[in-house]
Amino acid sequence: MAALPHLLALTAPLFILVFIGYVAMRWGKWEPAVSSALTRFVFAIAIPALLFRLMSDFARLPAVDARLLIAYFGGSLIVFAIARVFGHRAFRMDGVAQSVFALGGIFPNNLLLGLPIAKTLLGDASVPVVSMILVFNSFLLWTLATVSVEWARNRTASLSGLAATTKGVITNPIVASILAGTAYSFLGVPLPSMVDKTLDLIGQAAVPLSLIALGMGLAEYGITQGLRQSLGVCLVKLVAHPLVILLFAVALKLPALETESIVLLAALPVGANVYLMARQFDTLLGPIAGSLVLSTAIAAVTAPLLLAATVALFA
């Protein structure tokens, strides 16, 4: 645990940036259009530029262990099932609400928060690991929740719905930039100096701007409606999810970097996509919105603590 003070010192500025964005929107009375524009820039330009540049060297990096996908998504599937049962037993939720509740317990904010924290705490070597999770995360977990909801409603799953989900994931700027950067890396041609420098400058802005954009987005949500359910989501997301992922990683004997990376991602707060799912299926809007704010505040302490414990396993 000697690493904990160091990790807290490293992560504190990141969460301060989130707080700055929150304060600007909540008390600075900035227009919602500012948040929307900044978020759009971050998602469509800044982070894709950062990821493309980093992944353009992917072919020259050591191979990423495919077992991390089994550990991360296998563990997430187990937690999803547990969370559905928990939602039913503790809050008497129906199948649709259980599905959204469970998605909140396994879908982290691994883009706006995970990528900056991983780069800061674990270095650029963690980016291929994070990128692999990013590529599969939205598609697999969103599909899982969609199938779960449709099954709860109709006892069937729509193929057209799954096809639309697949298309949406592939055309997402984040996923597209990772795939394009990886493909470019196998050409064996370095990026032209002017392109590389431009992408580097944009990428340097991606981390702070993404955190400020996250804080601005959080200012839209309250925490009073459905507080018990919100805390339930936080319990699953910030405790159960990373611990189960860690157990899977240890059982599969993943190396230190891969284990630390996926435990860190699992320890992150609830992602905003879960709120989109809640809106899509018109359930748990208040509790999920509250969980976004609460889990982000709590994770400022719990994420470094869990990462420090994981680092200690390999010390």
C-alpha atoms as a PDB file:
ATOM      1  CA  MET A   1       0.000   0.000   0.000  1.00  0.00           C
ATOM      2  CA  ALA A   2       3.040   2.291  -0.102  1.00  0.00           C
ATOM      3  CA  ALA A   3       1.941   3.230  -3.617  1.00  0.00           C
ATOM      4  CA  LEU A   4      -1.395   4.646  -2.427  1.00  0.00           C
ATOM      5  CA  PRO A   5      -0.214   8.173  -1.465  1.00  0.00           C
ATOM      6  CA  HIS A   6       1.646   8.394  -4.772  1.00  0.00           C
ATOM      7  CA  LEU A   7      -1.417   7.262  -6.739  1.00  0.00           C
ATOM      8  CA  LEU A   8      -3.660   9.689  -4.876  1.00  0.00           C
ATOM      9  CA  ALA A   9      -1.240  12.516  -5.656  1.00  0.00           C
ATOM     10  CA  LEU A  10      -1.234  11.574  -9.345  1.00  0.00           C
ATOM     11  CA  THR A  11      -5.014  11.233  -9.645  1.00  0.00           C
ATOM     12  CA  ALA A  12      -5.920  14.337  -7.611  1.00  0.00           C
ATOM     13  CA  PRO A  13      -5.221  16.806 -10.473  1.00  0.00           C
ATOM     14  CA  LEU A  14      -7.351  14.681 -12.809  1.00  0.00           C
ATOM     15  CA  PHE A  15     -10.380  14.824 -10.530  1.00  0.00           C
ATOM     16  CA  ILE A  16      -9.728  18.523  -9.896  1.00  0.00           C
ATOM     17  CA  LEU A  17     -10.145  19.055 -13.643  1.00  0.00           C
ATOM     18  CA  VAL A  18     -13.474  17.217 -13.446  1.00  0.00           C
ATOM     19  CA  PHE A  19     -14.475  19.497 -10.561  1.00  0.00           C
ATOM     20  CA  ILE A  20     -13.490  22.600 -12.552  1.00  0.00           C
ATOM     21  CA  GLY A  21     -15.823  21.566 -15.346  1.00  0.00           C
ATOM     22  CA  TYR A  22     -18.576  20.842 -12.836  1.00  0.00           C
ATOM     23  CA  VAL A  23     -18.181  24.233 -11.128  1.00  0.00           C
ATOM     24  CA  ALA A  24     -18.117  26.114 -14.446  1.00  0.00           C
ATOM     25  CA  MET A  25     -21.485  24.663 -15.411  1.00  0.00           C
ATOM     26  CA  ARG A  26     -23.186  24.493 -12.013  1.00  0.00           C
ATOM     27  CA  TRP A  27     -22.150  27.827 -10.520  1.00  0.00           C
ATOM     28  CA  GLY A  28     -20.629  29.661 -13.462  1.00  0.00           C
ATOM     29  CA  LYS A  29     -23.993  29.475 -15.234  1.00  0.00           C
ATOM     30  CA  TRP A  30     -22.399  28.511 -18.549  1.00  0.00           C
ATOM     31  CA  GLU A  31     -24.786  27.633 -21.330  1.00  0.00           C
ATOM     32  CA  PRO A  32     -25.400  23.892 -21.958  1.00  0.00           C
ATOM     33  CA  ALA A  33     -24.257  24.531 -25.542  1.00  0.00           C
ATOM     34  CA  VAL A  34     -20.707  25.029 -24.213  1.00  0.00           C
ATOM     35  CA  SER A  35     -20.677  21.578 -22.654  1.00  0.00           C
ATOM     36  CA  SER A  36     -22.174  20.007 -25.761  1.00  0.00           C
ATOM     37  CA  ALA A  37     -19.627  21.661 -28.067  1.00  0.00           C
ATOM     38  CA  LEU A  38     -16.647  20.712 -25.904  1.00  0.00           C
ATOM     39  CA  THR A  39     -17.852  17.131 -25.524  1.00  0.00           C
ATOM     40  CA  ARG A  40     -18.379  16.870 -29.272  1.00  0.00           C
ATOM     41  CA  PHE A  41     -14.843  18.149 -29.933  1.00  0.00           C
ATOM     42  CA  VAL A  42     -13.360  15.717 -27.420  1.00  0.00           C
ATOM     43  CA  PHE A  43     -15.226  12.692 -28.807  1.00  0.00           C
ATOM     44  CA  ALA A  44     -14.927  13.531 -32.504  1.00  0.00           C
ATOM     45  CA  ILE A  45     -11.435  15.064 -32.758  1.00  0.00           C
ATOM     46  CA  ALA A  46      -9.224  15.228 -29.654  1.00  0.00           C
ATOM     47  CA  ILE A  47      -9.408  11.658 -28.354  1.00  0.00           C
ATOM     48  CA  PRO A  48      -9.512  10.053 -31.838  1.00  0.00           C
ATOM     49  CA  ALA A  49      -6.341  12.016 -32.718  1.00  0.00           C
ATOM     50  CA  LEU A  50      -4.657  10.840 -29.508  1.00  0.00           C
ATOM     51  CA  LEU A  51      -5.663   7.218 -30.037  1.00  0.00           C
ATOM     52  CA  PHE A  52      -4.758   7.131 -33.728  1.00  0.00           C
ATOM     53  CA  ARG A  53      -1.271   8.446 -33.000  1.00  0.00           C
ATOM     54  CA  LEU A  54      -0.671   6.034 -30.134  1.00  0.00           C
ATOM     55  CA  MET A  55      -2.063   3.026 -32.003  1.00  0.00           C
ATOM     56  CA  SER A  56       0.000   3.853 -35.118  1.00  0.00           C
ATOM     57  CA  ASP A  57       2.899   2.172 -33.261  1.00  0.00           C
ATOM     58  CA  PHE A  58       0.818  -0.848 -32.247  1.00  0.00           C
ATOM     59  CA  ALA A  59       2.589  -3.304 -34.593  1.00  0.00           C
ATOM     60  CA  ARG A  60       5.945  -2.499 -32.978  1.00  0.00           C
ATOM     61  CA  LEU A  61       4.677  -2.968 -29.416  1.00  0.00           C
ATOM     62  CA  PRO A  62       4.664  -6.264 -27.488  1.00  0.00           C
ATOM     63  CA  ALA A  63       1.501  -8.246 -28.216  1.00  0.00           C
ATOM     64  CA  VAL A  64      -1.423  -7.573 -25.881  1.00  0.00           C
ATOM     65  CA  ASP A  65      -2.481 -10.727 -24.043  1.00  0.00           C
ATOM     66  CA  ALA A  66      -5.888 -11.802 -25.360  1.00  0.00           C
ATOM     67  CA  ARG A  67      -6.667 -13.341 -21.954  1.00  0.00           C
ATOM     68  CA  LEU A  68      -7.386  -9.851 -20.681  1.00  0.00           C
ATOM     69  CA  LEU A  69     -10.575  -9.819 -22.806  1.00  0.00           C
ATOM     70  CA  ILE A  70     -11.680 -13.053 -21.158  1.00  0.00           C
ATOM     71  CA  ALA A  71     -10.855 -11.671 -17.722  1.00  0.00           C
ATOM     72  CA  TYR A  72     -12.535  -8.308 -18.270  1.00  0.00           C
ATOM     73  CA  PHE A  73     -15.647  -9.291 -20.165  1.00  0.00           C
ATOM     74  CA  GLY A  74     -16.040 -12.680 -18.483  1.00  0.00           C
ATOM     75  CA  GLY A  75     -15.919 -10.949 -15.127  1.00  0.00           C
ATOM     76  CA  SER A  76     -18.319  -8.266 -16.363  1.00  0.00           C
ATOM     77  CA  LEU A  77     -20.824 -10.926 -17.451  1.00  0.00           C
ATOM     78  CA  ILE A  78     -20.739 -12.513 -13.986  1.00  0.00           C
ATOM     79  CA  VAL A  79     -21.223  -9.122 -12.295  1.00  0.00           C
ATOM     80  CA  PHE A  80     -24.095  -8.297 -14.679  1.00  0.00           C
ATOM     81  CA  ALA A  81     -25.902 -11.486 -13.652  1.00  0.00           C
ATOM     82  CA  ILE A  82     -25.281 -10.823  -9.947  1.00  0.00           C
ATOM     83  CA  ALA A  83     -26.469  -7.215 -10.289  1.00  0.00           C
ATOM     84  CA  ARG A  84     -29.705  -8.293 -11.978  1.00  0.00           C
ATOM     85  CA  VAL A  85     -30.480 -10.587  -9.057  1.00  0.00           C
ATOM     86  CA  PHE A  86     -29.490  -7.840  -6.609  1.00  0.00           C
ATOM     87  CA  GLY A  87     -31.793  -5.349  -8.337  1.00  0.00           C
ATOM     88  CA  HIS A  88     -34.685  -7.768  -8.121  1.00  0.00           C
ATOM     89  CA  ARG A  89     -34.128  -8.850  -4.511  1.00  0.00           C
ATOM     90  CA  ALA A  90     -33.169  -5.487  -3.012  1.00  0.00           C
ATOM     91  CA  PHE A  91     -35.377  -3.095  -5.010  1.00  0.00           C
ATOM     92  CA  ARG A  92     -38.072  -5.317  -6.565  1.00  0.00           C
ATOM     93  CA  MET A  93     -37.163  -4.136 -10.077  1.00  0.00           C
ATOM     94  CA  ASP A  94     -38.725  -5.601 -13.194  1.00  0.00           C
ATOM     95  CA  GLY A  95     -36.588  -7.207 -15.915  1.00  0.00           C
ATOM     96  CA  VAL A  96     -36.026  -3.981 -17.857  1.00  0.00           C
ATOM     97  CA  ALA A  97     -34.978  -1.994 -14.795  1.00  0.00           C
ATOM     98  CA  GLN A  98     -32.766  -4.879 -13.656  1.00  0.00           C
ATOM     99  CA  SER A  99     -30.954  -4.799 -16.996  1.00  0.00           C
ATOM    100  CA  VAL A 100     -30.247  -1.056 -16.844  1.00  0.00           C
ATOM    101  CA  PHE A 101     -29.277  -1.316 -13.175  1.00  0.00           C
ATOM    102  CA  ALA A 102     -26.866  -4.153 -14.006  1.00  0.00           C
ATOM    103  CA  LEU A 103     -25.383  -2.243 -16.942  1.00  0.00           C
ATOM    104  CA  GLY A 104     -24.620   0.606 -14.539  1.00  0.00           C
ATOM    105  CA  GLY A 105     -22.655  -1.896 -12.475  1.00  0.00           C
ATOM    106  CA  ILE A 106     -20.339  -2.903 -15.340  1.00  0.00           C
ATOM    107  CA  PHE A 107     -20.157   0.029 -17.795  1.00  0.00           C
ATOM    108  CA  PRO A 108     -17.374   2.410 -16.683  1.00  0.00           C
ATOM    109  CA  ASN A 109     -16.459   5.862 -17.900  1.00  0.00           C
ATOM    110  CA  ASN A 110     -13.378   4.413 -19.551  1.00  0.00           C
ATOM    111  CA  LEU A 111     -13.109   7.036 -22.270  1.00  0.00           C
ATOM    112  CA  LEU A 112     -13.368  10.453 -20.610  1.00  0.00           C
ATOM    113  CA  LEU A 113     -11.809   9.220 -17.358  1.00  0.00           C
ATOM    114  CA  GLY A 114     -10.193   5.808 -17.931  1.00  0.00           C
ATOM    115  CA  LEU A 115      -7.849   6.770 -20.743  1.00  0.00           C
ATOM    116  CA  PRO A 116      -6.449   9.876 -18.965  1.00  0.00           C
ATOM    117  CA  ILE A 117      -5.987   8.017 -15.668  1.00  0.00           C
ATOM    118  CA  ALA A 118      -4.400   4.971 -17.316  1.00  0.00           C
ATOM    119  CA  LYS A 119      -1.936   7.170 -19.230  1.00  0.00           C
ATOM    120  CA  THR A 120      -1.069   9.097 -16.065  1.00  0.00           C
ATOM    121  CA  LEU A 121      -0.736   6.180 -13.653  1.00  0.00           C
ATOM    122  CA  LEU A 122       0.399   3.306 -15.875  1.00  0.00           C
ATOM    123  CA  GLY A 123       2.011   5.121 -18.802  1.00  0.00           C
ATOM    124  CA  ASP A 124       1.664   4.804 -22.572  1.00  0.00           C
ATOM    125  CA  ALA A 125       2.308   1.058 -22.329  1.00  0.00           C
ATOM    126  CA  SER A 126      -1.227   0.681 -20.956  1.00  0.00           C
ATOM    127  CA  VAL A 127      -2.859   2.337 -23.980  1.00  0.00           C
ATOM    128  CA  PRO A 128      -3.026  -0.822 -26.164  1.00  0.00           C
ATOM    129  CA  VAL A 129      -4.724  -2.628 -23.267  1.00  0.00           C
ATOM    130  CA  VAL A 130      -7.181   0.208 -22.718  1.00  0.00           C
ATOM    131  CA  SER A 131      -7.783   0.451 -26.464  1.00  0.00           C
ATOM    132  CA  MET A 132      -8.666  -3.224 -26.744  1.00  0.00           C
ATOM    133  CA  ILE A 133     -11.233  -2.795 -23.982  1.00  0.00           C
ATOM    134  CA  LEU A 134     -12.563   0.374 -25.636  1.00  0.00           C
ATOM    135  CA  VAL A 135     -13.036  -1.383 -28.971  1.00  0.00           C
ATOM    136  CA  PHE A 136     -15.098  -4.203 -27.505  1.00  0.00           C
ATOM    137  CA  ASN A 137     -16.654  -2.496 -24.487  1.00  0.00           C
ATOM    138  CA  SER A 138     -19.499  -0.520 -26.037  1.00  0.00           C
ATOM    139  CA  PHE A 139     -20.496  -3.244 -28.459  1.00  0.00           C
ATOM    140  CA  LEU A 140     -20.385  -6.195 -26.053  1.00  0.00           C
ATOM    141  CA  LEU A 141     -21.874  -4.536 -22.981  1.00  0.00           C
ATOM    142  CA  TRP A 142     -24.480  -2.484 -24.850  1.00  0.00           C
ATOM    143  CA  THR A 143     -25.503  -5.626 -26.761  1.00  0.00           C
ATOM    144  CA  LEU A 144     -25.674  -7.584 -23.509  1.00  0.00           C
ATOM    145  CA  ALA A 145     -27.990  -5.012 -21.936  1.00  0.00           C
ATOM    146  CA  THR A 146     -30.111  -4.730 -25.106  1.00  0.00           C
ATOM    147  CA  VAL A 147     -30.593  -8.492 -25.328  1.00  0.00           C
ATOM    148  CA  SER A 148     -31.392  -8.608 -21.609  1.00  0.00           C
ATOM    149  CA  VAL A 149     -34.027  -5.855 -21.962  1.00  0.00           C
ATOM    150  CA  GLU A 150     -35.611  -7.346 -25.075  1.00  0.00           C
ATOM    151  CA  TRP A 151     -35.680 -10.770 -23.485  1.00  0.00           C
ATOM    152  CA  ALA A 152     -37.339  -9.336 -20.389  1.00  0.00           C
ATOM    153  CA  ARG A 153     -39.970  -7.675 -22.579  1.00  0.00           C
ATOM    154  CA  ASN A 154     -40.573 -10.182 -25.327  1.00  0.00           C
ATOM    155  CA  ARG A 155     -38.485 -13.270 -24.591  1.00  0.00           C
ATOM    156  CA  THR A 156     -36.761 -12.561 -27.959  1.00  0.00           C
ATOM    157  CA  ALA A 157     -33.819 -10.516 -29.243  1.00  0.00           C
ATOM    158  CA  SER A 158     -34.088  -8.487 -32.454  1.00  0.00           C
ATOM    159  CA  LEU A 159     -31.417  -9.196 -35.097  1.00  0.00           C
ATOM    160  CA  SER A 160     -32.056  -5.796 -36.675  1.00  0.00           C
ATOM    161  CA  GLY A 161     -31.410  -4.163 -33.310  1.00  0.00           C
ATOM    162  CA  LEU A 162     -28.121  -6.024 -32.913  1.00  0.00           C
ATOM    163  CA  ALA A 163     -27.108  -5.077 -36.475  1.00  0.00           C
ATOM    164  CA  ALA A 164     -27.809  -1.421 -35.741  1.00  0.00           C
ATOM    165  CA  THR A 165     -25.726  -1.657 -32.568  1.00  0.00           C
ATOM    166  CA  THR A 166     -22.817  -3.182 -34.501  1.00  0.00           C
ATOM    167  CA  LYS A 167     -22.947  -0.467 -37.157  1.00  0.00           C
ATOM    168  CA  GLY A 168     -23.098   2.249 -34.515  1.00  0.00           C
ATOM    169  CA  VAL A 169     -20.024   0.887 -32.727  1.00  0.00           C
ATOM    170  CA  ILE A 170     -17.905   0.472 -35.864  1.00  0.00           C
ATOM    171  CA  THR A 171     -18.659   4.004 -37.082  1.00  0.00           C
ATOM    172  CA  ASN A 172     -17.975   5.532 -33.659  1.00  0.00           C
ATOM    173  CA  PRO A 173     -15.021   7.962 -34.006  1.00  0.00           C
ATOM    174  CA  ILE A 174     -13.222   6.404 -31.031  1.00  0.00           C
ATOM    175  CA  VAL A 175     -13.431   2.837 -32.292  1.00  0.00           C
ATOM    176  CA  ALA A 176     -12.720   3.936 -35.875  1.00  0.00           C
ATOM    177  CA  SER A 177      -9.570   5.810 -34.794  1.00  0.00           C
ATOM    178  CA  ILE A 178      -8.273   2.785 -32.869  1.00  0.00           C
ATOM    179  CA  LEU A 179      -8.902   0.447 -35.796  1.00  0.00           C
ATOM    180  CA  ALA A 180      -7.442   2.915 -38.331  1.00  0.00           C
ATOM    181  CA  GLY A 181      -4.341   3.560 -36.204  1.00  0.00           C
ATOM    182  CA  THR A 182      -3.770  -0.160 -35.701  1.00  0.00           C
ATOM    183  CA  ALA A 183      -4.167  -0.830 -39.433  1.00  0.00           C
ATOM    184  CA  TYR A 184      -1.720   1.982 -40.253  1.00  0.00           C
ATOM    185  CA  SER A 185       0.843   0.531 -37.853  1.00  0.00           C
ATOM    186  CA  PHE A 186       1.050  -2.663 -39.903  1.00  0.00           C
ATOM    187  CA  LEU A 187       2.078  -0.661 -42.986  1.00  0.00           C
ATOM    188  CA  GLY A 188       5.436  -0.172 -41.282  1.00  0.00           C
ATOM    189  CA  VAL A 189       5.569   3.487 -42.343  1.00  0.00           C
ATOM    190  CA  PRO A 190       6.177   6.171 -39.682  1.00  0.00           C
ATOM    191  CA  LEU A 191       3.720   9.042 -39.591  1.00  0.00           C
ATOM    192  CA  PRO A 192       4.935  12.084 -41.557  1.00  0.00           C
ATOM    193  CA  SER A 193       6.564  14.556 -39.177  1.00  0.00           C
ATOM    194  CA  MET A 194       3.989  17.295 -39.776  1.00  0.00           C
ATOM    195  CA  VAL A 195       1.068  14.897 -39.213  1.00  0.00           C
ATOM    196  CA  ASP A 196       2.690  13.389 -36.138  1.00  0.00           C
ATOM    197  CA  LYS A 197       3.319  16.802 -34.566  1.00  0.00           C
ATOM    198  CA  THR A 198      -0.225  17.968 -35.301  1.00  0.00           C
ATOM    199  CA  LEU A 199      -1.741  14.845 -33.764  1.00  0.00           C
ATOM    200  CA  ASP A 200       0.606  15.200 -30.787  1.00  0.00           C
ATOM    201  CA  LEU A 201      -0.537  18.770 -30.120  1.00  0.00           C
ATOM    202  CA  ILE A 202      -4.205  17.803 -30.338  1.00  0.00           C
ATOM    203  CA  GLY A 203      -3.580  14.725 -28.188  1.00  0.00           C
ATOM    204  CA  GLN A 204      -1.975  16.818 -25.453  1.00  0.00           C
ATOM    205  CA  ALA A 205      -5.247  18.737 -25.162  1.00  0.00           C
ATOM    206  CA  ALA A 206      -7.369  15.568 -25.176  1.00  0.00           C
ATOM    207  CA  VAL A 207      -6.708  14.535 -21.576  1.00  0.00           C
ATOM    208  CA  PRO A 208      -7.506  17.814 -19.739  1.00  0.00           C
ATOM    209  CA  LEU A 209     -10.373  18.722 -22.064  1.00  0.00           C
ATOM    210  CA  SER A 210     -11.982  15.299 -21.693  1.00  0.00           C
ATOM    211  CA  LEU A 211     -11.933  15.611 -17.905  1.00  0.00           C
ATOM    212  CA  ILE A 212     -13.373  19.127 -17.972  1.00  0.00           C
ATOM    213  CA  ALA A 213     -16.061  17.937 -20.392  1.00  0.00           C
ATOM    214  CA  LEU A 214     -16.882  15.107 -17.990  1.00  0.00           C
ATOM    215  CA  GLY A 215     -17.336  17.588 -15.135  1.00  0.00           C
ATOM    216  CA  MET A 216     -19.583  19.750 -17.293  1.00  0.00           C
ATOM    217  CA  GLY A 217     -21.711  16.750 -18.154  1.00  0.00           C
ATOM    218  CA  LEU A 218     -22.046  15.719 -14.531  1.00  0.00           C
ATOM    219  CA  ALA A 219     -23.443  19.177 -13.678  1.00  0.00           C
ATOM    220  CA  GLU A 220     -26.613  18.221 -15.578  1.00  0.00           C
ATOM    221  CA  TYR A 221     -27.513  15.471 -13.118  1.00  0.00           C
ATOM    222  CA  GLY A 222     -28.862  15.486  -9.574  1.00  0.00           C
ATOM    223  CA  ILE A 223     -28.461  12.880  -6.844  1.00  0.00           C
ATOM    224  CA  THR A 224     -31.663  13.096  -4.836  1.00  0.00           C
ATOM    225  CA  GLN A 225     -34.053  10.926  -6.845  1.00  0.00           C
ATOM    226  CA  GLY A 226     -33.713   7.206  -6.169  1.00  0.00           C
ATOM    227  CA  LEU A 227     -30.750   7.619  -3.840  1.00  0.00           C
ATOM    228  CA  ARG A 228     -30.882   4.029  -2.535  1.00  0.00           C
ATOM    229  CA  GLN A 229     -30.795   2.607  -6.046  1.00  0.00           C
ATOM    230  CA  SER A 230     -27.983   5.014  -6.969  1.00  0.00           C
ATOM    231  CA  LEU A 231     -25.921   3.786  -4.041  1.00  0.00           C
ATOM    232  CA  GLY A 232     -26.701   0.209  -5.082  1.00  0.00           C
ATOM    233  CA  VAL A 233     -25.291   0.891  -8.546  1.00  0.00           C
ATOM    234  CA  CYS A 234     -22.195   2.477  -6.970  1.00  0.00           C
ATOM    235  CA  LEU A 235     -21.674  -0.562  -4.740  1.00  0.00           C
ATOM    236  CA  VAL A 236     -21.756  -2.929  -7.695  1.00  0.00           C
ATOM    237  CA  LYS A 237     -19.673  -0.708  -9.983  1.00  0.00           C
ATOM    238  CA  LEU A 238     -16.966   0.437  -7.586  1.00  0.00           C
ATOM    239  CA  VAL A 239     -16.579  -2.684  -5.433  1.00  0.00           C
ATOM    240  CA  ALA A 240     -17.988  -5.844  -7.022  1.00  0.00           C
ATOM    241  CA  HIS A 241     -16.908  -5.138 -10.587  1.00  0.00           C
ATOM    242  CA  PRO A 242     -13.182  -4.473  -9.984  1.00  0.00           C
ATOM    243  CA  LEU A 243     -12.893  -7.284  -7.412  1.00  0.00           C
ATOM    244  CA  VAL A 244     -14.410  -9.874  -9.748  1.00  0.00           C
ATOM    245  CA  ILE A 245     -12.196  -8.649 -12.606  1.00  0.00           C
ATOM    246  CA  LEU A 246      -9.172  -8.973 -10.327  1.00  0.00           C
ATOM    247  CA  LEU A 247     -10.142 -12.546  -9.421  1.00  0.00           C
ATOM    248  CA  PHE A 248     -10.466 -13.436 -13.109  1.00  0.00           C
ATOM    249  CA  ALA A 249      -7.105 -11.837 -13.917  1.00  0.00           C
ATOM    250  CA  VAL A 250      -5.349 -13.686 -11.092  1.00  0.00           C
ATOM    251  CA  ALA A 251      -7.000 -16.974 -12.062  1.00  0.00           C
ATOM    252  CA  LEU A 252      -5.838 -16.516 -15.671  1.00  0.00           C
ATOM    253  CA  LYS A 253      -2.350 -15.449 -14.493  1.00  0.00           C
ATOM    254  CA  LEU A 254      -2.342 -12.195 -16.429  1.00  0.00           C
ATOM    255  CA  PRO A 255       0.874 -10.129 -16.275  1.00  0.00           C
ATOM    256  CA  ALA A 256       1.056  -7.136 -13.970  1.00  0.00           C
ATOM    257  CA  LEU A 257       0.401  -4.375 -16.514  1.00  0.00           C
ATOM    258  CA  GLU A 258      -2.651  -6.063 -18.031  1.00  0.00           C
ATOM    259  CA  THR A 259      -4.065  -6.866 -14.597  1.00  0.00           C
ATOM    260  CA  GLU A 260      -3.518  -3.351 -13.269  1.00  0.00           C
ATOM    261  CA  SER A 261      -5.032  -1.830 -16.424  1.00  0.00           C
ATOM    262  CA  ILE A 262      -8.273  -3.812 -16.410  1.00  0.00           C
ATOM    263  CA  VAL A 263      -8.738  -3.497 -12.645  1.00  0.00           C
ATOM    264  CA  LEU A 264      -8.291   0.268 -12.996  1.00  0.00           C
ATOM    265  CA  LEU A 265     -10.886   0.384 -15.796  1.00  0.00           C
ATOM    266  CA  ALA A 266     -13.315  -1.700 -13.763  1.00  0.00           C
ATOM    267  CA  ALA A 267     -12.828   0.568 -10.736  1.00  0.00           C
ATOM    268  CA  LEU A 268     -13.947   3.647 -12.676  1.00  0.00           C
ATOM    269  CA  PRO A 269     -17.316   5.356 -12.121  1.00  0.00           C
ATOM    270  CA  VAL A 270     -20.488   4.717 -14.110  1.00  0.00           C
ATOM    271  CA  GLY A 271     -20.322   5.780 -17.759  1.00  0.00           C
ATOM    272  CA  ALA A 272     -22.731   8.300 -19.263  1.00  0.00           C
ATOM    273  CA  ASN A 273     -23.825   5.708 -21.848  1.00  0.00           C
ATOM    274  CA  VAL A 274     -25.794   3.987 -19.100  1.00  0.00           C
ATOM    275  CA  TYR A 275     -27.945   7.099 -18.767  1.00  0.00           C
ATOM    276  CA  LEU A 276     -28.594   6.924 -22.523  1.00  0.00           C
ATOM    277  CA  MET A 277     -29.727   3.333 -22.049  1.00  0.00           C
ATOM    278  CA  ALA A 278     -31.993   4.394 -19.169  1.00  0.00           C
ATOM    279  CA  ARG A 279     -33.531   7.060 -21.401  1.00  0.00           C
ATOM    280  CA  GLN A 280     -33.903   4.665 -24.305  1.00  0.00           C
ATOM    281  CA  PHE A 281     -35.880   2.207 -22.200  1.00  0.00           C
ATOM    282  CA  ASP A 282     -37.473   4.872 -19.964  1.00  0.00           C
ATOM    283  CA  THR A 283     -36.484   3.379 -16.631  1.00  0.00           C
ATOM    284  CA  LEU A 284     -34.310   4.335 -13.612  1.00  0.00           C
ATOM    285  CA  LEU A 285     -33.578   7.791 -15.026  1.00  0.00           C
ATOM    286  CA  GLY A 286     -33.150   9.406 -11.597  1.00  0.00           C
ATOM    287  CA  PRO A 287     -31.108   6.628  -9.956  1.00  0.00           C
ATOM    288  CA  ILE A 288     -28.760   6.276 -12.945  1.00  0.00           C
ATOM    289  CA  ALA A 289     -28.257  10.032 -13.218  1.00  0.00           C
ATOM    290  CA  GLY A 290     -27.483  10.152  -9.506  1.00  0.00           C
ATOM    291  CA  SER A 291     -25.059   7.234  -9.798  1.00  0.00           C
ATOM    292  CA  LEU A 292     -23.011   9.143 -12.404  1.00  0.00           C
ATOM    293  CA  VAL A 293     -22.305  11.938  -9.924  1.00  0.00           C
ATOM    294  CA  LEU A 294     -21.947   9.801  -6.800  1.00  0.00           C
ATOM    295  CA  SER A 295     -19.729   7.157  -8.383  1.00  0.00           C
ATOM    296  CA  THR A 296     -17.390   9.798  -9.833  1.00  0.00           C
ATOM    297  CA  ALA A 297     -16.950  11.421  -6.418  1.00  0.00           C
ATOM    298  CA  ILE A 298     -16.456   8.094  -4.625  1.00  0.00           C
ATOM    299  CA  ALA A 299     -14.101   6.697  -7.274  1.00  0.00           C
ATOM    300  CA  ALA A 300     -11.688   9.575  -6.637  1.00  0.00           C
ATOM    301  CA  VAL A 301     -10.708   7.599  -3.526  1.00  0.00           C
ATOM    302  CA  THR A 302     -11.672   3.988  -4.268  1.00  0.00           C
ATOM    303  CA  ALA A 303     -10.020   3.707  -7.712  1.00  0.00           C
ATOM    304  CA  PRO A 304      -6.497   4.616  -6.476  1.00  0.00           C
ATOM    305  CA  LEU A 305      -7.032   2.368  -3.442  1.00  0.00           C
ATOM    306  CA  LEU A 306      -7.963  -0.652  -5.575  1.00  0.00           C
ATOM    307  CA  LEU A 307      -5.116   0.030  -7.993  1.00  0.00           C
ATOM    308  CA  ALA A 308      -2.647   0.294  -5.110  1.00  0.00           C
ATOM    309  CA  ALA A 309      -3.854  -3.061  -3.770  1.00  0.00           C
ATOM    310  CA  THR A 310      -3.426  -4.598  -7.230  1.00  0.00           C
ATOM    311  CA  VAL A 311       0.078  -3.146  -7.624  1.00  0.00           C
ATOM    312  CA  ALA A 312       0.947  -4.607  -4.201  1.00  0.00           C
ATOM    313  CA  LEU A 313       0.099  -8.101  -5.480  1.00  0.00           C
ATOM    314  CA  PHE A 314       2.977  -7.877  -7.954  1.00  0.00           C
ATOM    315  CA  ALA A 315       5.419  -6.139  -5.654  1.00  0.00           C
END
